[in-house]
Amino acid sequence: VPGQIWPVDYQRYDDLVDGEVFGRVLVGYHPDSRFWPF
């Protein structure tokens, strides 16, 4: 995730790496570049 954003959603999922399960988070966000379109 970049520095200046507007986070609007978080999704957790499990990632299997070398037989081990790691908790990961996906972040849904709007970048500041969408200010004028919005």
All heavy atoms as atom14 arrays in JSON, in Angstrom:
{
  "sequence": "VPGQIWPVDYQRYDDLVDGEVFGRVLVGYHPDSRFWPF",
  "atom14_mask": [
    [1, 1, 1, 1, 1, 1, 1, 0, 0, 0, 0, 0, 0, 0],
    [1, 1, 1, 1, 1, 1, 1, 0, 0, 0, 0, 0, 0, 0],
    [1, 1, 1, 1, 0, 0, 0, 0, 0, 0, 0, 0, 0, 0],
    [1, 1, 1, 1, 1, 1, 1, 1, 1, 0, 0, 0, 0, 0],
    [1, 1, 1, 1, 1, 1, 1, 1, 0, 0, 0, 0, 0, 0],
    [1, 1, 1, 1, 1, 1, 1, 1, 1, 1, 1, 1, 1, 1],
    [1, 1, 1, 1, 1, 1, 1, 0, 0, 0, 0, 0, 0, 0],
    [1, 1, 1, 1, 1, 1, 1, 0, 0, 0, 0, 0, 0, 0],
    [1, 1, 1, 1, 1, 1, 1, 1, 0, 0, 0, 0, 0, 0],
    [1, 1, 1, 1, 1, 1, 1, 1, 1, 1, 1, 1, 0, 0],
    [1, 1, 1, 1, 1, 1, 1, 1, 1, 0, 0, 0, 0, 0],
    [1, 1, 1, 1, 1, 1, 1, 1, 1, 1, 1, 0, 0, 0],
    [1, 1, 1, 1, 1, 1, 1, 1, 1, 1, 1, 1, 0, 0],
    [1, 1, 1, 1, 1, 1, 1, 1, 0, 0, 0, 0, 0, 0],
    [1, 1, 1, 1, 1, 1, 1, 1, 0, 0, 0, 0, 0, 0],
    [1, 1, 1, 1, 1, 1, 1, 1, 0, 0, 0, 0, 0, 0],
    [1, 1, 1, 1, 1, 1, 1, 0, 0, 0, 0, 0, 0, 0],
    [1, 1, 1, 1, 1, 1, 1, 1, 0, 0, 0, 0, 0, 0],
    [1, 1, 1, 1, 0, 0, 0, 0, 0, 0, 0, 0, 0, 0],
    [1, 1, 1, 1, 1, 1, 1, 1, 1, 0, 0, 0, 0, 0],
    [1, 1, 1, 1, 1, 1, 1, 0, 0, 0, 0, 0, 0, 0],
    [1, 1, 1, 1, 1, 1, 1, 1, 1, 1, 1, 0, 0, 0],
    [1, 1, 1, 1, 0, 0, 0, 0, 0, 0, 0, 0, 0, 0],
    [1, 1, 1, 1, 1, 1, 1, 1, 1, 1, 1, 0, 0, 0],
    [1, 1, 1, 1, 1, 1, 1, 0, 0, 0, 0, 0, 0, 0],
    [1, 1, 1, 1, 1, 1, 1, 1, 0, 0, 0, 0, 0, 0],
    [1, 1, 1, 1, 1, 1, 1, 0, 0, 0, 0, 0, 0, 0],
    [1, 1, 1, 1, 0, 0, 0, 0, 0, 0, 0, 0, 0, 0],
    [1, 1, 1, 1, 1, 1, 1, 1, 1, 1, 1, 1, 0, 0],
    [1, 1, 1, 1, 1, 1, 1, 1, 1, 1, 0, 0, 0, 0],
    [1, 1, 1, 1, 1, 1, 1, 0, 0, 0, 0, 0, 0, 0],
    [1, 1, 1, 1, 1, 1, 1, 1, 0, 0, 0, 0, 0, 0],
    [1, 1, 1, 1, 1, 1, 0, 0, 0, 0, 0, 0, 0, 0],
    [1, 1, 1, 1, 1, 1, 1, 1, 1, 1, 1, 0, 0, 0],
    [1, 1, 1, 1, 1, 1, 1, 1, 1, 1, 1, 0, 0, 0],
    [1, 1, 1, 1, 1, 1, 1, 1, 1, 1, 1, 1, 1, 1],
    [1, 1, 1, 1, 1, 1, 1, 0, 0, 0, 0, 0, 0, 0],
    [1, 1, 1, 1, 1, 1, 1, 1, 1, 1, 1, 0, 0, 0]
  ],
  "atom14_positions": [
    [[0.85, -1.2, 0.0], [0.0, 0.0, 0.0], [0.88, 1.24, 0.0], [1.79, 1.37, 0.82], [-0.91, 0.01, 1.24], [-1.65, 1.33, 1.34], [-1.91, -1.14, 1.17], [0.0, 0.0, 0.0], [0.0, 0.0, 0.0], [0.0, 0.0, 0.0], [0.0, 0.0, 0.0], [0.0, 0.0, 0.0], [0.0, 0.0, 0.0], [0.0, 0.0, 0.0]],
    [[0.63, 2.19, -0.91], [1.41, 3.45, -0.91], [1.04, 4.3, 0.29], [0.09, 4.02, 1.03], [1.01, 4.11, -2.23], [-0.32, 3.53, -2.57], [-0.32, 2.13, -2.04], [0.0, 0.0, 0.0], [0.0, 0.0, 0.0], [0.0, 0.0, 0.0], [0.0, 0.0, 0.0], [0.0, 0.0, 0.0], [0.0, 0.0, 0.0], [0.0, 0.0, 0.0]],
    [[1.76, 5.4, 0.45], [1.62, 6.21, 1.66], [0.29, 6.91, 1.81], [-0.45, 6.68, 2.76], [0.0, 0.0, 0.0], [0.0, 0.0, 0.0], [0.0, 0.0, 0.0], [0.0, 0.0, 0.0], [0.0, 0.0, 0.0], [0.0, 0.0, 0.0], [0.0, 0.0, 0.0], [0.0, 0.0, 0.0], [0.0, 0.0, 0.0], [0.0, 0.0, 0.0]],
    [[-0.06, 7.8, 0.87], [-1.26, 8.62, 0.98], [-2.41, 8.0, 0.21], [-2.48, 8.12, -1.02], [-0.98, 10.03, 0.49], [-0.07, 10.84, 1.4], [-0.67, 11.09, 2.76], [-0.03, 10.82, 3.75], [-1.89, 11.57, 2.81], [0.0, 0.0, 0.0], [0.0, 0.0, 0.0], [0.0, 0.0, 0.0], [0.0, 0.0, 0.0], [0.0, 0.0, 0.0]],
    [[-3.34, 7.35, 0.92], [-4.48, 6.7, 0.28], [-5.71, 6.88, 1.15], [-5.65, 7.35, 2.28], [-4.23, 5.19, 0.08], [-4.07, 4.51, 1.44], [-3.03, 4.94, -0.81], [-4.2, 3.02, 1.4], [0.0, 0.0, 0.0], [0.0, 0.0, 0.0], [0.0, 0.0, 0.0], [0.0, 0.0, 0.0], [0.0, 0.0, 0.0], [0.0, 0.0, 0.0]],
    [[-6.84, 6.47, 0.57], [-8.09, 6.37, 1.34], [-8.48, 4.89, 1.37], [-9.06, 4.39, 0.41], [-9.18, 7.2, 0.69], [-10.5, 7.12, 1.4], [-10.71, 6.88, 2.73], [-11.8, 7.27, 0.82], [-12.04, 6.87, 3.02], [-12.74, 7.13, 1.87], [-12.24, 7.54, -0.47], [-14.11, 7.22, 1.65], [-13.6, 7.64, -0.69], [-14.52, 7.47, 0.36]],
    [[-8.17, 4.16, 2.44], [-8.53, 2.74, 2.52], [-10.02, 2.57, 2.74], [-10.61, 3.23, 3.61], [-7.73, 2.23, 3.72], [-7.5, 3.44, 4.56], [-7.42, 4.61, 3.62], [0.0, 0.0, 0.0], [0.0, 0.0, 0.0], [0.0, 0.0, 0.0], [0.0, 0.0, 0.0], [0.0, 0.0, 0.0], [0.0, 0.0, 0.0], [0.0, 0.0, 0.0]],
    [[-10.65, 1.71, 1.96], [-12.1, 1.53, 2.08], [-12.5, 0.08, 2.34], [-13.66, -0.19, 2.64], [-12.82, 2.02, 0.79], [-12.65, 3.52, 0.63], [-12.33, 1.28, -0.44], [0.0, 0.0, 0.0], [0.0, 0.0, 0.0], [0.0, 0.0, 0.0], [0.0, 0.0, 0.0], [0.0, 0.0, 0.0], [0.0, 0.0, 0.0], [0.0, 0.0, 0.0]],
    [[-11.55, -0.85, 2.25], [-11.9, -2.27, 2.45], [-10.66, -3.06, 2.85], [-9.54, -2.76, 2.39], [-12.49, -2.85, 1.16], [-13.03, -4.26, 1.36], [-13.56, -4.54, 2.45], [-12.93, -5.08, 0.44], [0.0, 0.0, 0.0], [0.0, 0.0, 0.0], [0.0, 0.0, 0.0], [0.0, 0.0, 0.0], [0.0, 0.0, 0.0], [0.0, 0.0, 0.0]],
    [[-10.88, -4.05, 3.72], [-9.81, -4.96, 4.13], [-10.32, -6.38, 4.01], [-11.43, -6.7, 4.46], [-9.39, -4.69, 5.58], [-8.74, -3.34, 5.8], [-9.52, -2.24, 6.15], [-7.38, -3.17, 5.67], [-8.95, -1.0, 6.36], [-6.78, -1.94, 5.87], [-7.58, -0.85, 6.22], [-7.0, 0.38, 6.42], [0.0, 0.0, 0.0], [0.0, 0.0, 0.0]],
    [[-9.53, -7.24, 3.38], [-9.9, -8.64, 3.21], [-8.75, -9.52, 3.72], [-7.61, -9.36, 3.28], [-10.18, -8.97, 1.75], [-11.32, -8.16, 1.14], [-11.53, -8.48, -0.32], [-10.98, -9.45, -0.84], [-12.3, -7.65, -1.0], [0.0, 0.0, 0.0], [0.0, 0.0, 0.0], [0.0, 0.0, 0.0], [0.0, 0.0, 0.0], [0.0, 0.0, 0.0]],
    [[-9.07, -10.41, 4.64], [-8.06, -11.33, 5.18], [-8.13, -12.67, 4.46], [-9.21, -13.15, 4.12], [-8.27, -11.52, 6.68], [-8.1, -10.24, 7.5], [-8.16, -10.51, 8.98], [-7.95, -9.29, 9.74], [-6.75, -8.81, 10.06], [-5.66, -9.48, 9.7], [-6.64, -7.69, 10.75], [0.0, 0.0, 0.0], [0.0, 0.0, 0.0], [0.0, 0.0, 0.0]],
    [[-6.97, -13.26, 4.23], [-6.91, -14.58, 3.61], [-5.66, -15.3, 4.1], [-4.72, -14.68, 4.63], [-6.91, -14.47, 2.09], [-5.65, -13.89, 1.49], [-4.65, -14.73, 0.96], [-5.42, -12.51, 1.46], [-3.49, -14.21, 0.43], [-4.27, -11.98, 0.93], [-3.31, -12.84, 0.41], [-2.15, -12.3, -0.12], [0.0, 0.0, 0.0], [0.0, 0.0, 0.0]],
    [[-5.65, -16.61, 3.94], [-4.51, -17.43, 4.35], [-3.66, -17.77, 3.14], [-4.18, -18.18, 2.09], [-4.99, -18.72, 5.03], [-5.68, -18.44, 6.35], [-5.29, -17.46, 7.02], [-6.61, -19.19, 6.71], [0.0, 0.0, 0.0], [0.0, 0.0, 0.0], [0.0, 0.0, 0.0], [0.0, 0.0, 0.0], [0.0, 0.0, 0.0], [0.0, 0.0, 0.0]],
    [[-2.35, -17.58, 3.28], [-1.41, -17.86, 2.2], [-0.5, -19.0, 2.63], [0.15, -18.94, 3.69], [-0.58, -16.6, 1.91], [0.26, -16.78, 0.65], [0.02, -17.73, -0.11], [1.18, -15.95, 0.45], [0.0, 0.0, 0.0], [0.0, 0.0, 0.0], [0.0, 0.0, 0.0], [0.0, 0.0, 0.0], [0.0, 0.0, 0.0], [0.0, 0.0, 0.0]],
    [[-0.48, -20.05, 1.83], [0.33, -21.22, 2.14], [1.7, -21.08, 1.49], [1.82, -21.02, 0.27], [-0.37, -22.49, 1.64], [0.3, -23.82, 1.98], [0.36, -24.04, 3.49], [-0.44, -24.98, 1.31], [0.0, 0.0, 0.0], [0.0, 0.0, 0.0], [0.0, 0.0, 0.0], [0.0, 0.0, 0.0], [0.0, 0.0, 0.0], [0.0, 0.0, 0.0]],
    [[2.76, -21.01, 2.29], [4.12, -20.86, 1.81], [5.0, -21.91, 2.47], [5.17, -21.92, 3.7], [4.67, -19.45, 2.12], [6.11, -19.32, 1.62], [3.8, -18.38, 1.5], [0.0, 0.0, 0.0], [0.0, 0.0, 0.0], [0.0, 0.0, 0.0], [0.0, 0.0, 0.0], [0.0, 0.0, 0.0], [0.0, 0.0, 0.0], [0.0, 0.0, 0.0]],
    [[5.56, -22.83, 1.63], [6.44, -23.89, 2.13], [5.79, -24.68, 3.26], [6.42, -25.01, 4.28], [7.77, -23.31, 2.61], [8.56, -22.66, 1.49], [8.41, -23.11, 0.34], [9.32, -21.71, 1.77], [0.0, 0.0, 0.0], [0.0, 0.0, 0.0], [0.0, 0.0, 0.0], [0.0, 0.0, 0.0], [0.0, 0.0, 0.0], [0.0, 0.0, 0.0]],
    [[4.53, -24.98, 3.08], [3.83, -25.79, 4.06], [3.35, -25.04, 5.28], [2.73, -25.64, 6.16], [0.0, 0.0, 0.0], [0.0, 0.0, 0.0], [0.0, 0.0, 0.0], [0.0, 0.0, 0.0], [0.0, 0.0, 0.0], [0.0, 0.0, 0.0], [0.0, 0.0, 0.0], [0.0, 0.0, 0.0], [0.0, 0.0, 0.0], [0.0, 0.0, 0.0]],
    [[3.64, -23.73, 5.36], [3.19, -22.93, 6.5], [2.11, -21.94, 6.06], [2.16, -21.41, 4.94], [4.36, -22.17, 7.13], [5.42, -23.08, 7.73], [6.47, -22.28, 8.49], [6.1, -21.22, 9.06], [7.64, -22.67, 8.48], [0.0, 0.0, 0.0], [0.0, 0.0, 0.0], [0.0, 0.0, 0.0], [0.0, 0.0, 0.0], [0.0, 0.0, 0.0]],
    [[1.17, -21.72, 6.94], [0.06, -20.83, 6.64], [0.35, -19.46, 7.25], [0.65, -19.34, 8.44], [-1.26, -21.39, 7.2], [-2.4, -20.39, 6.95], [-1.58, -22.74, 6.58], [0.0, 0.0, 0.0], [0.0, 0.0, 0.0], [0.0, 0.0, 0.0], [0.0, 0.0, 0.0], [0.0, 0.0, 0.0], [0.0, 0.0, 0.0], [0.0, 0.0, 0.0]],
    [[0.28, -18.43, 6.41], [0.49, -17.06, 6.85], [-0.79, -16.25, 6.6], [-1.39, -16.34, 5.54], [1.66, -16.41, 6.1], [2.99, -17.04, 6.38], [3.44, -18.11, 5.6], [3.78, -16.58, 7.41], [4.67, -18.7, 5.86], [5.02, -17.16, 7.68], [5.45, -18.22, 6.89], [0.0, 0.0, 0.0], [0.0, 0.0, 0.0], [0.0, 0.0, 0.0]],
    [[-1.15, -15.47, 7.59], [-2.3, -14.58, 7.42], [-1.91, -13.35, 6.62], [-0.92, -12.68, 6.94], [0.0, 0.0, 0.0], [0.0, 0.0, 0.0], [0.0, 0.0, 0.0], [0.0, 0.0, 0.0], [0.0, 0.0, 0.0], [0.0, 0.0, 0.0], [0.0, 0.0, 0.0], [0.0, 0.0, 0.0], [0.0, 0.0, 0.0], [0.0, 0.0, 0.0]],
    [[-2.66, -13.08, 5.59], [-2.39, -11.91, 4.73], [-3.62, -10.98, 4.72], [-4.73, -11.41, 5.01], [-2.09, -12.34, 3.3], [-0.95, -13.35, 3.18], [0.39, -12.72, 3.45], [1.49, -13.64, 3.11], [2.76, -13.4, 3.37], [3.11, -12.27, 3.95], [3.68, -14.28, 3.05], [0.0, 0.0, 0.0], [0.0, 0.0, 0.0], [0.0, 0.0, 0.0]],
    [[-3.36, -9.76, 4.33], [-4.44, -8.77, 4.25], [-4.38, -8.07, 2.91], [-3.32, -7.58, 2.5], [-4.34, -7.72, 5.38], [-5.44, -6.67, 5.22], [-4.45, -8.38, 6.74], [0.0, 0.0, 0.0], [0.0, 0.0, 0.0], [0.0, 0.0, 0.0], [0.0, 0.0, 0.0], [0.0, 0.0, 0.0], [0.0, 0.0, 0.0], [0.0, 0.0, 0.0]],
    [[-5.52, -8.06, 2.22], [-5.65, -7.26, 1.0], [-6.36, -5.96, 1.36], [-7.37, -5.97, 2.07], [-6.45, -8.02, -0.06], [-5.78, -9.23, -0.72], [-6.76, -9.92, -1.66], [-4.53, -8.8, -1.48], [0.0, 0.0, 0.0], [0.0, 0.0, 0.0], [0.0, 0.0, 0.0], [0.0, 0.0, 0.0], [0.0, 0.0, 0.0], [0.0, 0.0, 0.0]],
    [[-5.84, -4.87, 0.84], [-6.4, -3.55, 1.13], [-7.01, -2.97, -0.14], [-6.33, -2.88, -1.18], [-5.32, -2.59, 1.68], [-5.93, -1.21, 1.96], [-4.7, -3.16, 2.94], [0.0, 0.0, 0.0], [0.0, 0.0, 0.0], [0.0, 0.0, 0.0], [0.0, 0.0, 0.0], [0.0, 0.0, 0.0], [0.0, 0.0, 0.0], [0.0, 0.0, 0.0]],
    [[-8.28, -2.6, -0.06], [-8.92, -1.87, -1.15], [-8.85, -0.38, -0.84], [-9.2, 0.05, 0.26], [0.0, 0.0, 0.0], [0.0, 0.0, 0.0], [0.0, 0.0, 0.0], [0.0, 0.0, 0.0], [0.0, 0.0, 0.0], [0.0, 0.0, 0.0], [0.0, 0.0, 0.0], [0.0, 0.0, 0.0], [0.0, 0.0, 0.0], [0.0, 0.0, 0.0]],
    [[-8.39, 0.4, -1.8], [-8.18, 1.82, -1.52], [-8.4, 2.67, -2.77], [-8.38, 2.18, -3.9], [-6.77, 2.06, -0.98], [-5.68, 1.91, -2.02], [-5.19, 3.02, -2.73], [-5.13, 0.67, -2.32], [-4.2, 2.89, -3.69], [-4.14, 0.53, -3.28], [-3.68, 1.63, -3.96], [-2.7, 1.51, -4.92], [0.0, 0.0, 0.0], [0.0, 0.0, 0.0]],
    [[-8.62, 3.95, -2.52], [-8.66, 4.95, -3.59], [-7.43, 5.84, -3.44], [-7.19, 6.4, -2.37], [-9.92, 5.81, -3.5], [-11.19, 5.05, -3.76], [-11.48, 4.49, -4.99], [-12.24, 4.77, -2.95], [-12.65, 3.9, -4.93], [-13.14, 4.05, -3.71], [0.0, 0.0, 0.0], [0.0, 0.0, 0.0], [0.0, 0.0, 0.0], [0.0, 0.0, 0.0]],
    [[-6.64, 5.99, -4.49], [-5.47, 6.87, -4.41], [-5.89, 8.33, -4.44], [-6.97, 8.69, -4.92], [-4.68, 6.5, -5.66], [-5.71, 6.01, -6.63], [-6.75, 5.32, -5.81], [0.0, 0.0, 0.0], [0.0, 0.0, 0.0], [0.0, 0.0, 0.0], [0.0, 0.0, 0.0], [0.0, 0.0, 0.0], [0.0, 0.0, 0.0], [0.0, 0.0, 0.0]],
    [[-5.01, 9.18, -3.94], [-5.31, 10.62, -3.92], [-5.47, 11.2, -5.31], [-6.07, 12.27, -5.47], [-4.18, 11.36, -3.19], [-4.21, 11.09, -1.69], [-5.12, 10.37, -1.23], [-3.31, 11.6, -0.98], [0.0, 0.0, 0.0], [0.0, 0.0, 0.0], [0.0, 0.0, 0.0], [0.0, 0.0, 0.0], [0.0, 0.0, 0.0], [0.0, 0.0, 0.0]],
    [[-4.96, 10.5, -6.33], [-5.09, 11.0, -7.71], [-6.55, 11.01, -8.17], [-6.87, 11.62, -9.2], [-4.25, 10.14, -8.65], [-4.67, 8.78, -8.62], [0.0, 0.0, 0.0], [0.0, 0.0, 0.0], [0.0, 0.0, 0.0], [0.0, 0.0, 0.0], [0.0, 0.0, 0.0], [0.0, 0.0, 0.0], [0.0, 0.0, 0.0], [0.0, 0.0, 0.0]],
    [[-7.45, 10.36, -7.43], [-8.86, 10.35, -7.8], [-9.62, 11.54, -7.19], [-10.85, 11.6, -7.3], [-9.51, 9.04, -7.36], [-9.03, 7.84, -8.17], [-9.71, 6.55, -7.74], [-9.32, 5.45, -8.63], [-9.71, 4.19, -8.47], [-10.5, 3.85, -7.46], [-9.3, 3.25, -9.32], [0.0, 0.0, 0.0], [0.0, 0.0, 0.0], [0.0, 0.0, 0.0]],
    [[-8.91, 12.44, -6.56], [-9.58, 13.56, -5.9], [-10.44, 14.34, -6.89], [-11.63, 14.55, -6.66], [-8.55, 14.49, -5.25], [-9.14, 15.74, -4.68], [-9.76, 15.73, -3.45], [-9.11, 16.94, -5.39], [-10.33, 16.88, -2.92], [-9.67, 18.1, -4.87], [-10.28, 18.06, -3.63], [0.0, 0.0, 0.0], [0.0, 0.0, 0.0], [0.0, 0.0, 0.0]],
    [[-9.85, 14.81, -7.99], [-10.61, 15.65, -8.93], [-11.7, 14.88, -9.66], [-12.83, 15.39, -9.82], [-9.67, 16.35, -9.9], [-8.97, 17.51, -9.26], [-7.64, 17.62, -8.98], [-9.57, 18.72, -8.78], [-7.38, 18.83, -8.36], [-8.54, 19.52, -8.23], [-10.87, 19.21, -8.77], [-8.78, 20.78, -7.67], [-11.11, 20.45, -8.22], [-10.07, 21.22, -7.68]],
    [[-11.45, 13.63, -10.13], [-12.58, 12.88, -10.72], [-13.74, 12.71, -9.74], [-14.9, 12.88, -10.12], [-11.95, 11.54, -11.09], [-10.51, 11.86, -11.34], [-10.17, 12.91, -10.34], [0.0, 0.0, 0.0], [0.0, 0.0, 0.0], [0.0, 0.0, 0.0], [0.0, 0.0, 0.0], [0.0, 0.0, 0.0], [0.0, 0.0, 0.0], [0.0, 0.0, 0.0]],
    [[-13.45, 12.4, -8.48], [-14.51, 12.25, -7.49], [-15.21, 13.58, -7.21], [-16.42, 13.62, -6.99], [-13.95, 11.66, -6.2], [-13.73, 10.18, -6.24], [-13.7, 9.49, -7.43], [-13.56, 9.46, -5.07], [-13.51, 8.12, -7.48], [-13.36, 8.09, -5.09], [-13.33, 7.41, -6.3], [0.0, 0.0, 0.0], [0.0, 0.0, 0.0], [0.0, 0.0, 0.0]]
  ]
}
